[in-house]
Amino acid sequence: MRVLSFQIQKKSTEVFDNCQDKIHLDLNEKKFAVADGATQGFKSEVWADEISKSFVESNQDDFILGLKSLAERFNGIPMDYENGPMAFLEKKKKERGGNTAILGVKINEEDESIDFISVGDSCAFMLYKGEMTSWPFKNLDELNQCQSSINSMQILEENYSLDIRVEKMKYTNLDEIWICSDALSRFILKNFSIHVLLKSFSDFESFYNFCLESWENNLMEHDDVTFLKIEMKGEREYLRFEPPEGFFFEQPKAPVHSNSNQTKKEEIENDEIMREQLEILSSEIKDLKSQLKRNLRLTIYALMIFVFGFILYESKMLKNAWSYITSYLQTDEKEENTTPQKDK
């Protein structure tokens, strides 16, 4: 079994160490996990790392049962800032909790089966003789409707129900299994034929050029990208392709005013504050959109029930009116037939 992983951070992250996509695997146990931390969450890269690591080190039941204790430990992580604007923003993030999606795979060669587990919008793809199927989403619409994730705060709530998908599949002569984070998953589901190009990746350079071109042409979301490829045949080895040491995306430079007395440290801190504010605003807009969609659905259902009820009511009224008219006419006809005629 040969495994290759390709990763790159989004441009705004600058350096790979801050990438919020995390991979954990165990070739001996044939367990693989990709976790996709959310930018808007508190230390989501740490939360994603803990979640994916727990999946690989635990059996499925223990992994699910252990999420709450994992969240309790994670929520105890101290903040990086104690005072100032950055502390205020980080506190708001911590109140929201860490957020991540995960897709885990366990391959069982003894009975030729695969155990899948998923929370969130990552996706797995299975390749067999040039054909490709996907799980848990069959198309882009299904993926876009997914709003679930593992949130370190919500999972501790008493009545919280985690939207987790679990499935066992049989396989025969399967060629490859891919696990992709959401940006690449969306791109593949929009265009299945792109898998021919993805199969050809053999180094970081080819993967990097693909991501860069896709971002520049707005074909793929500007997000961290993870592509884990499991080749079912071949010698057992794991090859990692990620940005080399010293690689970074140059960030746009703010204009420098001659009368500015800010130090470089202050400028960097202001940039971070702006980025944090944008992330929080983006998260709030996303939550608002989800709430509006739910409210719209409820309104439509209520309107449908009202219309249906009104139609039934009107039908009943019409039926009663028709019965009354018919009964009246019949009564009037009987009276005419029974009334004696006067002799002329």
C-alpha atoms as a PDB file:
ATOM      1  CA  MET A   1       0.000   0.000   0.000  1.00  0.00           C
ATOM      2  CA  ARG A   2       1.535   3.272  -1.153  1.00  0.00           C
ATOM      3  CA  VAL A   3       0.345   6.556   0.329  1.00  0.00           C
ATOM      4  CA  LEU A   4       1.067  10.065  -0.961  1.00  0.00           C
ATOM      5  CA  SER A   5      -0.033  13.301   0.689  1.00  0.00           C
ATOM      6  CA  PHE A   6      -0.022  16.740  -0.919  1.00  0.00           C
ATOM      7  CA  GLN A   7      -0.647  19.896   1.112  1.00  0.00           C
ATOM      8  CA  ILE A   8      -0.385  23.637   0.773  1.00  0.00           C
ATOM      9  CA  GLN A   9      -1.599  26.533   2.884  1.00  0.00           C
ATOM     10  CA  LYS A  10      -3.892  29.260   1.591  1.00  0.00           C
ATOM     11  CA  LYS A  11      -2.149  32.473   0.543  1.00  0.00           C
ATOM     12  CA  SER A  12      -3.414  34.499   3.500  1.00  0.00           C
ATOM     13  CA  THR A  13      -1.869  32.007   5.940  1.00  0.00           C
ATOM     14  CA  GLU A  14       1.586  32.899   4.624  1.00  0.00           C
ATOM     15  CA  VAL A  15       3.573  29.995   6.152  1.00  0.00           C
ATOM     16  CA  PHE A  16       2.799  26.259   6.107  1.00  0.00           C
ATOM     17  CA  ASP A  17       3.208  25.846   9.870  1.00  0.00           C
ATOM     18  CA  ASN A  18      -0.102  27.699  10.264  1.00  0.00           C
ATOM     19  CA  CYS A  19      -1.983  25.454   7.817  1.00  0.00           C
ATOM     20  CA  GLN A  20      -5.245  24.344   9.466  1.00  0.00           C
ATOM     21  CA  ASP A  21      -5.553  21.083   7.505  1.00  0.00           C
ATOM     22  CA  LYS A  22      -4.036  18.162   9.414  1.00  0.00           C
ATOM     23  CA  ILE A  23      -3.193  14.577   8.404  1.00  0.00           C
ATOM     24  CA  HIS A  24      -2.663  11.562  10.640  1.00  0.00           C
ATOM     25  CA  LEU A  25      -2.240   7.966   9.522  1.00  0.00           C
ATOM     26  CA  ASP A  26      -1.041   4.525  10.590  1.00  0.00           C
ATOM     27  CA  LEU A  27       0.134   2.286   7.752  1.00  0.00           C
ATOM     28  CA  ASN A  28       0.210  -0.813   9.963  1.00  0.00           C
ATOM     29  CA  GLU A  29      -3.397  -0.353  11.067  1.00  0.00           C
ATOM     30  CA  LYS A  30      -4.359   1.072   7.651  1.00  0.00           C
ATOM     31  CA  LYS A  31      -6.082   4.059   9.234  1.00  0.00           C
ATOM     32  CA  PHE A  32      -6.107   7.510   7.646  1.00  0.00           C
ATOM     33  CA  ALA A  33      -7.626  10.843   8.657  1.00  0.00           C
ATOM     34  CA  VAL A  34      -7.801  14.345   7.222  1.00  0.00           C
ATOM     35  CA  ALA A  35      -9.129  17.111   9.477  1.00  0.00           C
ATOM     36  CA  ASP A  36      -9.931  20.571   8.138  1.00  0.00           C
ATOM     37  CA  GLY A  37      -9.846  23.255  10.833  1.00  0.00           C
ATOM     38  CA  ALA A  38     -12.031  26.331  10.359  1.00  0.00           C
ATOM     39  CA  THR A  39     -10.300  29.701  10.150  1.00  0.00           C
ATOM     40  CA  GLN A  40     -12.960  31.371  12.306  1.00  0.00           C
ATOM     41  CA  GLY A  41     -12.461  28.985  15.246  1.00  0.00           C
ATOM     42  CA  PHE A  42     -10.109  29.201  18.223  1.00  0.00           C
ATOM     43  CA  LYS A  43      -6.765  27.490  17.456  1.00  0.00           C
ATOM     44  CA  SER A  44      -8.555  25.305  14.918  1.00  0.00           C
ATOM     45  CA  GLU A  45      -5.258  23.928  13.602  1.00  0.00           C
ATOM     46  CA  VAL A  46      -4.586  22.459  17.071  1.00  0.00           C
ATOM     47  CA  TRP A  47      -8.165  21.152  17.355  1.00  0.00           C
ATOM     48  CA  ALA A  48      -7.938  19.562  13.886  1.00  0.00           C
ATOM     49  CA  ASP A  49      -4.639  17.916  14.801  1.00  0.00           C
ATOM     50  CA  GLU A  50      -6.072  16.488  18.033  1.00  0.00           C
ATOM     51  CA  ILE A  51      -9.203  15.156  16.329  1.00  0.00           C
ATOM     52  CA  SER A  52      -7.396  13.435  13.441  1.00  0.00           C
ATOM     53  CA  LYS A  53      -4.785  11.976  15.801  1.00  0.00           C
ATOM     54  CA  SER A  54      -7.505  10.607  18.098  1.00  0.00           C
ATOM     55  CA  PHE A  55      -9.234   8.861  15.185  1.00  0.00           C
ATOM     56  CA  VAL A  56      -6.053   7.061  14.143  1.00  0.00           C
ATOM     57  CA  GLU A  57      -5.128   6.051  17.710  1.00  0.00           C
ATOM     58  CA  SER A  58      -8.610   4.847  18.786  1.00  0.00           C
ATOM     59  CA  ASN A  59     -11.209   2.435  17.538  1.00  0.00           C
ATOM     60  CA  GLN A  60     -14.332   3.998  16.085  1.00  0.00           C
ATOM     61  CA  ASP A  61     -16.535   3.752  19.190  1.00  0.00           C
ATOM     62  CA  ASP A  62     -13.825   5.072  21.518  1.00  0.00           C
ATOM     63  CA  PHE A  63     -13.129   7.936  19.121  1.00  0.00           C
ATOM     64  CA  ILE A  64     -16.753   9.086  19.182  1.00  0.00           C
ATOM     65  CA  LEU A  65     -17.145   8.617  22.942  1.00  0.00           C
ATOM     66  CA  GLY A  66     -13.864  10.405  23.620  1.00  0.00           C
ATOM     67  CA  LEU A  67     -14.725  13.622  21.782  1.00  0.00           C
ATOM     68  CA  LYS A  68     -16.144  15.318  24.876  1.00  0.00           C
ATOM     69  CA  SER A  69     -13.079  14.687  27.042  1.00  0.00           C
ATOM     70  CA  LEU A  70     -10.915  15.803  24.115  1.00  0.00           C
ATOM     71  CA  ALA A  71     -12.937  19.037  23.914  1.00  0.00           C
ATOM     72  CA  GLU A  72     -12.625  19.673  27.656  1.00  0.00           C
ATOM     73  CA  ARG A  73      -8.835  19.444  27.467  1.00  0.00           C
ATOM     74  CA  PHE A  74      -8.676  21.579  24.348  1.00  0.00           C
ATOM     75  CA  ASN A  75     -10.917  24.310  25.781  1.00  0.00           C
ATOM     76  CA  GLY A  76      -8.447  24.643  28.652  1.00  0.00           C
ATOM     77  CA  ILE A  77      -5.661  25.833  26.327  1.00  0.00           C
ATOM     78  CA  PRO A  78      -4.623  29.370  27.333  1.00  0.00           C
ATOM     79  CA  MET A  79      -4.894  32.286  24.944  1.00  0.00           C
ATOM     80  CA  ASP A  80      -1.795  33.782  23.327  1.00  0.00           C
ATOM     81  CA  TYR A  81      -2.702  37.359  24.270  1.00  0.00           C
ATOM     82  CA  GLU A  82      -3.560  38.737  27.704  1.00  0.00           C
ATOM     83  CA  ASN A  83      -4.200  42.413  26.950  1.00  0.00           C
ATOM     84  CA  GLY A  84      -5.054  44.722  24.088  1.00  0.00           C
ATOM     85  CA  PRO A  85      -7.173  44.395  20.941  1.00  0.00           C
ATOM     86  CA  MET A  86      -5.715  40.995  20.013  1.00  0.00           C
ATOM     87  CA  ALA A  87      -6.724  39.595  23.413  1.00  0.00           C
ATOM     88  CA  PHE A  88     -10.298  40.835  22.869  1.00  0.00           C
ATOM     89  CA  LEU A  89     -10.501  39.196  19.444  1.00  0.00           C
ATOM     90  CA  GLU A  90      -8.916  35.958  20.637  1.00  0.00           C
ATOM     91  CA  LYS A  91     -11.358  35.819  23.544  1.00  0.00           C
ATOM     92  CA  LYS A  92     -14.256  36.080  21.122  1.00  0.00           C
ATOM     93  CA  LYS A  93     -12.765  33.212  19.133  1.00  0.00           C
ATOM     94  CA  LYS A  94     -12.308  31.093  22.241  1.00  0.00           C
ATOM     95  CA  GLU A  95     -15.941  31.660  23.202  1.00  0.00           C
ATOM     96  CA  ARG A  96     -16.885  30.217  19.816  1.00  0.00           C
ATOM     97  CA  GLY A  97     -14.573  27.215  20.306  1.00  0.00           C
ATOM     98  CA  GLY A  98     -12.347  25.263  17.960  1.00  0.00           C
ATOM     99  CA  ASN A  99     -13.987  24.017  14.777  1.00  0.00           C
ATOM    100  CA  THR A 100     -13.011  21.227  12.409  1.00  0.00           C
ATOM    101  CA  ALA A 101     -14.298  18.768   9.844  1.00  0.00           C
ATOM    102  CA  ILE A 102     -12.871  15.258   9.653  1.00  0.00           C
ATOM    103  CA  LEU A 103     -12.973  12.315   7.287  1.00  0.00           C
ATOM    104  CA  GLY A 104     -11.483   9.044   8.507  1.00  0.00           C
ATOM    105  CA  VAL A 105     -10.888   5.766   6.691  1.00  0.00           C
ATOM    106  CA  LYS A 106     -10.073   2.294   8.038  1.00  0.00           C
ATOM    107  CA  ILE A 107      -9.194  -0.336   5.412  1.00  0.00           C
ATOM    108  CA  ASN A 108      -9.891  -3.959   6.396  1.00  0.00           C
ATOM    109  CA  GLU A 109      -8.066  -6.247   3.957  1.00  0.00           C
ATOM    110  CA  GLU A 110      -9.225  -9.458   5.683  1.00  0.00           C
ATOM    111  CA  ASP A 111     -12.832  -8.988   4.531  1.00  0.00           C
ATOM    112  CA  GLU A 112     -12.189  -6.409   1.767  1.00  0.00           C
ATOM    113  CA  SER A 113     -14.173  -3.661   3.462  1.00  0.00           C
ATOM    114  CA  ILE A 114     -13.677   0.014   4.283  1.00  0.00           C
ATOM    115  CA  ASP A 115     -14.999   1.797   7.375  1.00  0.00           C
ATOM    116  CA  PHE A 116     -15.749   5.467   6.733  1.00  0.00           C
ATOM    117  CA  ILE A 117     -16.515   8.165   9.272  1.00  0.00           C
ATOM    118  CA  SER A 118     -17.248  11.799   8.464  1.00  0.00           C
ATOM    119  CA  VAL A 119     -18.257  15.061  10.090  1.00  0.00           C
ATOM    120  CA  GLY A 120     -18.286  18.150   7.881  1.00  0.00           C
ATOM    121  CA  ASP A 121     -17.507  18.891   4.264  1.00  0.00           C
ATOM    122  CA  SER A 122     -14.408  16.825   3.448  1.00  0.00           C
ATOM    123  CA  CYS A 123     -14.934  14.063   0.893  1.00  0.00           C
ATOM    124  CA  ALA A 124     -13.513  10.667  -0.097  1.00  0.00           C
ATOM    125  CA  PHE A 125     -13.190   9.439  -3.674  1.00  0.00           C
ATOM    126  CA  MET A 126     -12.823   5.797  -4.759  1.00  0.00           C
ATOM    127  CA  LEU A 127     -11.214   4.936  -8.100  1.00  0.00           C
ATOM    128  CA  TYR A 128     -11.674   1.645  -9.938  1.00  0.00           C
ATOM    129  CA  LYS A 129     -10.675   1.076 -13.565  1.00  0.00           C
ATOM    130  CA  GLY A 130     -10.869   4.774 -14.403  1.00  0.00           C
ATOM    131  CA  GLU A 131     -14.288   5.241 -12.802  1.00  0.00           C
ATOM    132  CA  MET A 132     -14.722   7.366  -9.690  1.00  0.00           C
ATOM    133  CA  THR A 133     -17.356   7.446  -6.932  1.00  0.00           C
ATOM    134  CA  SER A 134     -17.546   9.742  -3.903  1.00  0.00           C
ATOM    135  CA  TRP A 135     -18.604   9.565  -0.248  1.00  0.00           C
ATOM    136  CA  PRO A 136     -20.441  10.940   1.696  1.00  0.00           C
ATOM    137  CA  PHE A 137     -21.475  13.464  -0.962  1.00  0.00           C
ATOM    138  CA  LYS A 138     -22.550  12.336  -4.411  1.00  0.00           C
ATOM    139  CA  ASN A 139     -22.622  15.810  -5.924  1.00  0.00           C
ATOM    140  CA  LEU A 140     -21.746  19.439  -5.261  1.00  0.00           C
ATOM    141  CA  ASP A 141     -25.244  20.375  -4.060  1.00  0.00           C
ATOM    142  CA  GLU A 142     -25.094  17.765  -1.292  1.00  0.00           C
ATOM    143  CA  LEU A 143     -21.698  19.042  -0.144  1.00  0.00           C
ATOM    144  CA  ASN A 144     -22.804  22.692  -0.189  1.00  0.00           C
ATOM    145  CA  GLN A 145     -25.791  21.847   2.017  1.00  0.00           C
ATOM    146  CA  CYS A 146     -23.510  20.400   4.702  1.00  0.00           C
ATOM    147  CA  GLN A 147     -23.197  22.720   7.714  1.00  0.00           C
ATOM    148  CA  SER A 148     -21.824  20.247  10.272  1.00  0.00           C
ATOM    149  CA  SER A 149     -18.471  20.285  12.074  1.00  0.00           C
ATOM    150  CA  ILE A 150     -16.994  19.248  15.411  1.00  0.00           C
ATOM    151  CA  ASN A 151     -17.107  22.329  17.630  1.00  0.00           C
ATOM    152  CA  SER A 152     -15.238  22.095  20.937  1.00  0.00           C
ATOM    153  CA  MET A 153     -17.861  24.173  22.777  1.00  0.00           C
ATOM    154  CA  GLN A 154     -21.087  22.840  21.262  1.00  0.00           C
ATOM    155  CA  ILE A 155     -20.124  19.194  21.762  1.00  0.00           C
ATOM    156  CA  LEU A 156     -20.174  19.756  25.545  1.00  0.00           C
ATOM    157  CA  GLU A 157     -23.760  21.028  25.522  1.00  0.00           C
ATOM    158  CA  GLU A 158     -26.194  18.627  27.168  1.00  0.00           C
ATOM    159  CA  ASN A 159     -28.668  18.237  24.302  1.00  0.00           C
ATOM    160  CA  TYR A 160     -26.176  18.661  21.452  1.00  0.00           C
ATOM    161  CA  SER A 161     -26.425  16.042  18.696  1.00  0.00           C
ATOM    162  CA  LEU A 162     -23.347  15.567  16.501  1.00  0.00           C
ATOM    163  CA  ASP A 163     -24.105  15.134  12.805  1.00  0.00           C
ATOM    164  CA  ILE A 164     -21.776  12.190  12.187  1.00  0.00           C
ATOM    165  CA  ARG A 165     -21.880   9.835   9.204  1.00  0.00           C
ATOM    166  CA  VAL A 166     -20.610   6.268   9.459  1.00  0.00           C
ATOM    167  CA  GLU A 167     -20.630   3.651   6.711  1.00  0.00           C
ATOM    168  CA  LYS A 168     -19.021   0.303   5.915  1.00  0.00           C
ATOM    169  CA  MET A 169     -18.402  -0.530   2.237  1.00  0.00           C
ATOM    170  CA  LYS A 170     -17.209  -3.658   0.503  1.00  0.00           C
ATOM    171  CA  TYR A 171     -14.560  -3.285  -2.159  1.00  0.00           C
ATOM    172  CA  THR A 172     -13.064  -5.535  -4.833  1.00  0.00           C
ATOM    173  CA  ASN A 173      -9.945  -4.680  -6.836  1.00  0.00           C
ATOM    174  CA  LEU A 174     -10.127  -1.048  -5.781  1.00  0.00           C
ATOM    175  CA  ASP A 175      -7.290   1.013  -7.265  1.00  0.00           C
ATOM    176  CA  GLU A 176      -7.152   4.137  -5.102  1.00  0.00           C
ATOM    177  CA  ILE A 177      -8.883   6.026  -2.286  1.00  0.00           C
ATOM    178  CA  TRP A 178      -8.546   9.805  -2.041  1.00  0.00           C
ATOM    179  CA  ILE A 179      -9.322  11.955   0.984  1.00  0.00           C
ATOM    180  CA  CYS A 180      -9.651  15.658   0.167  1.00  0.00           C
ATOM    181  CA  SER A 181     -10.381  18.760   2.212  1.00  0.00           C
ATOM    182  CA  ASP A 182     -13.385  20.843   1.184  1.00  0.00           C
ATOM    183  CA  ALA A 183     -11.827  23.201  -1.401  1.00  0.00           C
ATOM    184  CA  LEU A 184     -10.435  20.375  -3.531  1.00  0.00           C
ATOM    185  CA  SER A 185     -13.537  18.232  -2.931  1.00  0.00           C
ATOM    186  CA  ARG A 186     -15.731  20.959  -4.398  1.00  0.00           C
ATOM    187  CA  PHE A 187     -13.457  21.315  -7.406  1.00  0.00           C
ATOM    188  CA  ILE A 188     -13.562  17.560  -8.110  1.00  0.00           C
ATOM    189  CA  LEU A 189     -17.338  17.330  -7.680  1.00  0.00           C
ATOM    190  CA  LYS A 190     -17.746  20.185 -10.171  1.00  0.00           C
ATOM    191  CA  ASN A 191     -15.553  18.411 -12.695  1.00  0.00           C
ATOM    192  CA  PHE A 192     -14.957  14.670 -12.228  1.00  0.00           C
ATOM    193  CA  SER A 193     -12.627  14.582 -15.226  1.00  0.00           C
ATOM    194  CA  ILE A 194     -10.027  16.536 -13.231  1.00  0.00           C
ATOM    195  CA  HIS A 195      -9.124  13.244 -11.522  1.00  0.00           C
ATOM    196  CA  VAL A 196      -6.961  12.362 -14.537  1.00  0.00           C
ATOM    197  CA  LEU A 197      -4.712  15.330 -13.738  1.00  0.00           C
ATOM    198  CA  LEU A 198      -4.717  14.665  -9.981  1.00  0.00           C
ATOM    199  CA  LYS A 199      -3.564  11.083 -10.548  1.00  0.00           C
ATOM    200  CA  SER A 200      -0.450  12.388 -12.293  1.00  0.00           C
ATOM    201  CA  PHE A 201       0.922  14.373  -9.319  1.00  0.00           C
ATOM    202  CA  SER A 202       4.296  13.022  -8.217  1.00  0.00           C
ATOM    203  CA  ASP A 203       5.940  16.017  -6.515  1.00  0.00           C
ATOM    204  CA  PHE A 204       5.115  19.242  -4.696  1.00  0.00           C
ATOM    205  CA  GLU A 205       5.860  21.420  -7.724  1.00  0.00           C
ATOM    206  CA  SER A 206       3.100  19.890  -9.860  1.00  0.00           C
ATOM    207  CA  PHE A 207       0.598  20.140  -6.993  1.00  0.00           C
ATOM    208  CA  TYR A 208       1.619  23.735  -6.209  1.00  0.00           C
ATOM    209  CA  ASN A 209       1.241  24.829  -9.847  1.00  0.00           C
ATOM    210  CA  PHE A 210      -2.186  23.187 -10.009  1.00  0.00           C
ATOM    211  CA  CYS A 211      -3.393  25.020  -6.870  1.00  0.00           C
ATOM    212  CA  LEU A 212      -1.914  28.350  -7.920  1.00  0.00           C
ATOM    213  CA  GLU A 213      -3.511  28.222 -11.367  1.00  0.00           C
ATOM    214  CA  SER A 214      -6.847  27.087  -9.932  1.00  0.00           C
ATOM    215  CA  TRP A 215      -6.859  29.946  -7.405  1.00  0.00           C
ATOM    216  CA  GLU A 216      -5.887  32.564  -9.973  1.00  0.00           C
ATOM    217  CA  ASN A 217      -8.653  31.421 -12.345  1.00  0.00           C
ATOM    218  CA  ASN A 218     -11.213  31.175  -9.502  1.00  0.00           C
ATOM    219  CA  LEU A 219     -11.714  27.474 -10.164  1.00  0.00           C
ATOM    220  CA  MET A 220     -11.000  26.511  -6.556  1.00  0.00           C
ATOM    221  CA  GLU A 221     -11.649  28.258  -3.245  1.00  0.00           C
ATOM    222  CA  HIS A 222      -8.759  30.178  -1.705  1.00  0.00           C
ATOM    223  CA  ASP A 223      -8.283  27.807   1.200  1.00  0.00           C
ATOM    224  CA  ASP A 224      -5.814  25.296   2.619  1.00  0.00           C
ATOM    225  CA  VAL A 225      -5.690  22.298   0.271  1.00  0.00           C
ATOM    226  CA  THR A 226      -5.067  18.683   1.271  1.00  0.00           C
ATOM    227  CA  PHE A 227      -4.962  15.704  -1.069  1.00  0.00           C
ATOM    228  CA  LEU A 228      -4.273  12.278   0.505  1.00  0.00           C
ATOM    229  CA  LYS A 229      -3.919   9.514  -2.070  1.00  0.00           C
ATOM    230  CA  ILE A 230      -3.997   5.850  -0.969  1.00  0.00           C
ATOM    231  CA  GLU A 231      -2.832   3.435  -3.660  1.00  0.00           C
ATOM    232  CA  MET A 232      -4.104  -0.026  -2.765  1.00  0.00           C
ATOM    233  CA  LYS A 233      -1.339  -1.814  -4.632  1.00  0.00           C
ATOM    234  CA  GLY A 234       2.419  -1.463  -4.447  1.00  0.00           C
ATOM    235  CA  GLU A 235       5.070  -1.462  -1.755  1.00  0.00           C
ATOM    236  CA  ARG A 236       4.214  -0.001   1.647  1.00  0.00           C
ATOM    237  CA  GLU A 237       5.529   3.544   1.897  1.00  0.00           C
ATOM    238  CA  TYR A 238       4.400   7.045   2.779  1.00  0.00           C
ATOM    239  CA  LEU A 239       5.525  10.047   0.708  1.00  0.00           C
ATOM    240  CA  ARG A 240       4.773  13.592   1.883  1.00  0.00           C
ATOM    241  CA  PHE A 241       4.775  16.549  -0.495  1.00  0.00           C
ATOM    242  CA  GLU A 242       4.441  19.921   1.201  1.00  0.00           C
ATOM    243  CA  PRO A 243       6.039  23.381   0.941  1.00  0.00           C
ATOM    244  CA  PRO A 244       9.824  23.250   1.404  1.00  0.00           C
ATOM    245  CA  GLU A 245      11.495  25.010   4.309  1.00  0.00           C
ATOM    246  CA  GLY A 246      11.484  28.769   3.805  1.00  0.00           C
ATOM    247  CA  PHE A 247       8.464  28.716   1.462  1.00  0.00           C
ATOM    248  CA  PHE A 248       5.923  31.448   2.101  1.00  0.00           C
ATOM    249  CA  PHE A 249       3.299  33.512   0.300  1.00  0.00           C
ATOM    250  CA  GLU A 250       4.217  37.166   0.246  1.00  0.00           C
ATOM    251  CA  GLN A 251       1.469  39.263   1.806  1.00  0.00           C
ATOM    252  CA  PRO A 252       0.232  42.565   0.317  1.00  0.00           C
ATOM    253  CA  LYS A 253       2.128  45.461   1.842  1.00  0.00           C
ATOM    254  CA  ALA A 254       0.239  48.355   3.397  1.00  0.00           C
ATOM    255  CA  PRO A 255       1.261  51.816   2.156  1.00  0.00           C
ATOM    256  CA  VAL A 256       3.884  53.460   4.375  1.00  0.00           C
ATOM    257  CA  HIS A 257       3.289  57.118   5.276  1.00  0.00           C
ATOM    258  CA  SER A 258       6.285  59.299   5.944  1.00  0.00           C
ATOM    259  CA  ASN A 259       4.654  60.854   9.024  1.00  0.00           C
ATOM    260  CA  SER A 260       3.834  57.461  10.554  1.00  0.00           C
ATOM    261  CA  ASN A 261       5.546  56.659  13.848  1.00  0.00           C
ATOM    262  CA  GLN A 262       4.374  53.039  13.980  1.00  0.00           C
ATOM    263  CA  THR A 263       6.988  50.408  14.533  1.00  0.00           C
ATOM    264  CA  LYS A 264       7.079  47.276  12.380  1.00  0.00           C
ATOM    265  CA  LYS A 265       5.731  45.267  15.317  1.00  0.00           C
ATOM    266  CA  GLU A 266       2.712  47.575  15.600  1.00  0.00           C
ATOM    267  CA  GLU A 267       2.064  47.320  11.866  1.00  0.00           C
ATOM    268  CA  ILE A 268       2.116  43.525  12.032  1.00  0.00           C
ATOM    269  CA  GLU A 269      -0.222  43.561  15.036  1.00  0.00           C
ATOM    270  CA  ASN A 270      -2.640  45.881  13.241  1.00  0.00           C
ATOM    271  CA  ASP A 271      -2.640  43.554  10.225  1.00  0.00           C
ATOM    272  CA  GLU A 272      -3.432  40.619  12.508  1.00  0.00           C
ATOM    273  CA  ILE A 273      -6.249  42.560  14.165  1.00  0.00           C
ATOM    274  CA  MET A 274      -7.777  43.373  10.785  1.00  0.00           C
ATOM    275  CA  ARG A 275      -7.480  39.737   9.706  1.00  0.00           C
ATOM    276  CA  GLU A 276      -9.078  38.518  12.940  1.00  0.00           C
ATOM    277  CA  GLN A 277     -11.920  41.023  12.581  1.00  0.00           C
ATOM    278  CA  LEU A 278     -12.551  39.911   9.006  1.00  0.00           C
ATOM    279  CA  GLU A 279     -12.561  36.264  10.066  1.00  0.00           C
ATOM    280  CA  ILE A 280     -15.078  36.923  12.854  1.00  0.00           C
ATOM    281  CA  LEU A 281     -17.258  38.993  10.507  1.00  0.00           C
ATOM    282  CA  SER A 282     -17.092  36.241   7.876  1.00  0.00           C
ATOM    283  CA  SER A 283     -18.129  33.658  10.461  1.00  0.00           C
ATOM    284  CA  GLU A 284     -21.042  35.800  11.674  1.00  0.00           C
ATOM    285  CA  ILE A 285     -22.233  36.331   8.094  1.00  0.00           C
ATOM    286  CA  LYS A 286     -22.060  32.575   7.488  1.00  0.00           C
ATOM    287  CA  ASP A 287     -24.086  31.905  10.650  1.00  0.00           C
ATOM    288  CA  LEU A 288     -26.619  34.556   9.626  1.00  0.00           C
ATOM    289  CA  LYS A 289     -26.997  32.981   6.185  1.00  0.00           C
ATOM    290  CA  SER A 290     -27.608  29.570   7.760  1.00  0.00           C
ATOM    291  CA  GLN A 291     -30.196  31.071  10.118  1.00  0.00           C
ATOM    292  CA  LEU A 292     -31.946  32.869   7.254  1.00  0.00           C
ATOM    293  CA  LYS A 293     -32.068  29.633   5.247  1.00  0.00           C
ATOM    294  CA  ARG A 294     -33.617  27.788   8.196  1.00  0.00           C
ATOM    295  CA  ASN A 295     -36.156  30.555   8.759  1.00  0.00           C
ATOM    296  CA  LEU A 296     -37.008  30.631   5.068  1.00  0.00           C
ATOM    297  CA  ARG A 297     -37.588  26.885   5.028  1.00  0.00           C
ATOM    298  CA  LEU A 298     -39.859  27.141   8.087  1.00  0.00           C
ATOM    299  CA  THR A 299     -41.778  30.003   6.480  1.00  0.00           C
ATOM    300  CA  ILE A 300     -42.255  28.019   3.260  1.00  0.00           C
ATOM    301  CA  TYR A 301     -43.456  24.958   5.213  1.00  0.00           C
ATOM    302  CA  ALA A 302     -45.867  27.098   7.219  1.00  0.00           C
ATOM    303  CA  LEU A 303     -47.185  28.732   4.043  1.00  0.00           C
ATOM    304  CA  MET A 304     -47.673  25.342   2.386  1.00  0.00           C
ATOM    305  CA  ILE A 305     -49.591  24.062   5.404  1.00  0.00           C
ATOM    306  CA  PHE A 306     -51.734  27.215   5.420  1.00  0.00           C
ATOM    307  CA  VAL A 307     -52.504  26.964   1.688  1.00  0.00           C
ATOM    308  CA  PHE A 308     -53.270  23.266   1.964  1.00  0.00           C
ATOM    309  CA  GLY A 309     -55.500  23.877   4.974  1.00  0.00           C
ATOM    310  CA  PHE A 310     -57.238  26.774   3.241  1.00  0.00           C
ATOM    311  CA  ILE A 311     -57.917  24.613   0.177  1.00  0.00           C
ATOM    312  CA  LEU A 312     -59.365  21.888   2.378  1.00  0.00           C
ATOM    313  CA  TYR A 313     -61.451  24.437   4.243  1.00  0.00           C
ATOM    314  CA  GLU A 314     -62.709  26.023   1.047  1.00  0.00           C
ATOM    315  CA  SER A 315     -63.484  22.608  -0.408  1.00  0.00           C
ATOM    316  CA  LYS A 316     -65.478  21.728   2.694  1.00  0.00           C
ATOM    317  CA  MET A 317     -67.356  25.053   2.558  1.00  0.00           C
ATOM    318  CA  LEU A 318     -68.162  24.552  -1.115  1.00  0.00           C
ATOM    319  CA  LYS A 319     -69.305  21.024  -0.418  1.00  0.00           C
ATOM    320  CA  ASN A 320     -71.571  22.224   2.420  1.00  0.00           C
ATOM    321  CA  ALA A 321     -72.934  25.038   0.242  1.00  0.00           C
ATOM    322  CA  TRP A 322     -73.666  22.682  -2.620  1.00  0.00           C
ATOM    323  CA  SER A 323     -75.369  20.237  -0.242  1.00  0.00           C
ATOM    324  CA  TYR A 324     -77.503  23.078   1.130  1.00  0.00           C
ATOM    325  CA  ILE A 325     -78.502  24.287  -2.356  1.00  0.00           C
ATOM    326  CA  THR A 326     -79.284  20.754  -3.520  1.00  0.00           C
ATOM    327  CA  SER A 327     -81.310  20.064  -0.384  1.00  0.00           C
ATOM    328  CA  TYR A 328     -83.211  23.347  -0.774  1.00  0.00           C
ATOM    329  CA  LEU A 329     -84.061  22.680  -4.407  1.00  0.00           C
ATOM    330  CA  GLN A 330     -85.251  19.175  -3.610  1.00  0.00           C
ATOM    331  CA  THR A 331     -87.417  20.481  -0.758  1.00  0.00           C
ATOM    332  CA  ASP A 332     -88.876  23.218  -2.966  1.00  0.00           C
ATOM    333  CA  GLU A 333     -89.664  20.688  -5.702  1.00  0.00           C
ATOM    334  CA  LYS A 334     -91.453  18.431  -3.242  1.00  0.00           C
ATOM    335  CA  GLU A 335     -93.548  21.328  -1.967  1.00  0.00           C
ATOM    336  CA  GLU A 336     -94.581  22.201  -5.518  1.00  0.00           C
ATOM    337  CA  ASN A 337     -95.605  18.599  -6.196  1.00  0.00           C
ATOM    338  CA  THR A 338     -97.639  18.271  -2.990  1.00  0.00           C
ATOM    339  CA  THR A 339     -99.408  21.673  -3.099  1.00  0.00           C
ATOM    340  CA  PRO A 340    -103.067  21.179  -4.298  1.00  0.00           C
ATOM    341  CA  GLN A 341    -104.022  23.064  -7.447  1.00  0.00           C
ATOM    342  CA  LYS A 342    -107.016  25.469  -7.206  1.00  0.00           C
ATOM    343  CA  ASP A 343    -109.932  24.835  -9.570  1.00  0.00           C
ATOM    344  CA  LYS A 344    -110.471  27.477 -12.093  1.00  0.00           C
END
